[in-house]
């Protein structure tokens, strides 16, 4: 993730907004909370490897 996002200078707000879009898409397709939670947790865990590089 670090190498992929290096130089993109993604802000924390952009990262949060992407997570919101991801959650909305999962809701739209009625993905269960049981299945949605690990995906969103994994996404959130990538924050330090994506923001501001």
C-alpha atoms as a PDB file:
ATOM      1  CA  UNK A   1       0.000   0.000   0.000  1.00  0.00           C
ATOM      2  CA  UNK A   2       2.781   2.432   0.805  1.00  0.00           C
ATOM      3  CA  UNK A   3       4.433   2.108  -2.590  1.00  0.00           C
ATOM      4  CA  UNK A   4       1.131   2.204  -4.446  1.00  0.00           C
ATOM      5  CA  UNK A   5      -0.069   5.416  -2.777  1.00  0.00           C
ATOM      6  CA  UNK A   6       3.292   7.192  -2.517  1.00  0.00           C
ATOM      7  CA  UNK A   7       3.098  10.669  -4.012  1.00  0.00           C
ATOM      8  CA  UNK A   8      -0.704  10.755  -4.096  1.00  0.00           C
ATOM      9  CA  UNK A   9      -0.889  12.936  -0.956  1.00  0.00           C
ATOM     10  CA  UNK A  10      -4.247  11.535   0.078  1.00  0.00           C
ATOM     11  CA  UNK A  11      -5.712  13.452   3.001  1.00  0.00           C
ATOM     12  CA  UNK A  12      -7.370  11.978   6.050  1.00  0.00           C
ATOM     13  CA  UNK A  13     -10.680  13.497   4.918  1.00  0.00           C
ATOM     14  CA  UNK A  14     -10.364  11.804   1.521  1.00  0.00           C
ATOM     15  CA  UNK A  15      -9.573   8.503   3.202  1.00  0.00           C
ATOM     16  CA  UNK A  16     -12.592   8.825   5.510  1.00  0.00           C
ATOM     17  CA  UNK A  17     -14.855   9.728   2.590  1.00  0.00           C
ATOM     18  CA  UNK A  18     -13.670   6.668   0.677  1.00  0.00           C
ATOM     19  CA  UNK A  19     -14.531   4.515   3.683  1.00  0.00           C
ATOM     20  CA  UNK A  20     -17.985   6.099   3.792  1.00  0.00           C
ATOM     21  CA  UNK A  21     -18.521   5.311   0.111  1.00  0.00           C
ATOM     22  CA  UNK A  22     -17.351   1.741   0.666  1.00  0.00           C
ATOM     23  CA  UNK A  23     -19.752   1.295   3.595  1.00  0.00           C
ATOM     24  CA  UNK A  24     -22.628   2.782   1.573  1.00  0.00           C
ATOM     25  CA  UNK A  25     -21.936   0.431  -1.328  1.00  0.00           C
ATOM     26  CA  UNK A  26     -21.909  -2.558   1.020  1.00  0.00           C
ATOM     27  CA  UNK A  27     -25.200  -1.378   2.534  1.00  0.00           C
ATOM     28  CA  UNK A  28     -26.736  -0.882  -0.909  1.00  0.00           C
ATOM     29  CA  UNK A  29     -25.995  -4.486  -1.776  1.00  0.00           C
ATOM     30  CA  UNK A  30     -27.215  -5.649   1.637  1.00  0.00           C
ATOM     31  CA  UNK A  31     -23.907  -7.118   2.789  1.00  0.00           C
ATOM     32  CA  UNK A  32     -24.395  -8.433   6.302  1.00  0.00           C
ATOM     33  CA  UNK A  33     -22.710  -6.731   9.252  1.00  0.00           C
ATOM     34  CA  UNK A  34     -20.863  -9.988   9.887  1.00  0.00           C
ATOM     35  CA  UNK A  35     -19.278  -9.827   6.435  1.00  0.00           C
ATOM     36  CA  UNK A  36     -18.932  -6.038   6.291  1.00  0.00           C
ATOM     37  CA  UNK A  37     -17.088  -5.576   9.585  1.00  0.00           C
ATOM     38  CA  UNK A  38     -13.837  -7.380   8.685  1.00  0.00           C
ATOM     39  CA  UNK A  39     -13.612  -5.566   5.356  1.00  0.00           C
ATOM     40  CA  UNK A  40     -14.097  -2.130   6.899  1.00  0.00           C
ATOM     41  CA  UNK A  41     -11.653  -2.969   9.703  1.00  0.00           C
ATOM     42  CA  UNK A  42      -9.044  -4.013   7.150  1.00  0.00           C
ATOM     43  CA  UNK A  43      -9.623  -0.814   5.175  1.00  0.00           C
ATOM     44  CA  UNK A  44      -9.273   1.289   8.331  1.00  0.00           C
ATOM     45  CA  UNK A  45      -6.070  -0.500   9.244  1.00  0.00           C
ATOM     46  CA  UNK A  46      -4.478   0.684   6.013  1.00  0.00           C
ATOM     47  CA  UNK A  47      -4.848   4.352   6.922  1.00  0.00           C
ATOM     48  CA  UNK A  48      -1.228   4.905   7.992  1.00  0.00           C
ATOM     49  CA  UNK A  49       0.026   3.297   4.788  1.00  0.00           C
ATOM     50  CA  UNK A  50      -2.103   5.535   2.564  1.00  0.00           C
ATOM     51  CA  UNK A  51      -2.530   9.019   4.077  1.00  0.00           C
ATOM     52  CA  UNK A  52      -0.098  11.782   3.230  1.00  0.00           C
ATOM     53  CA  UNK A  53       2.462   9.756   1.308  1.00  0.00           C
END
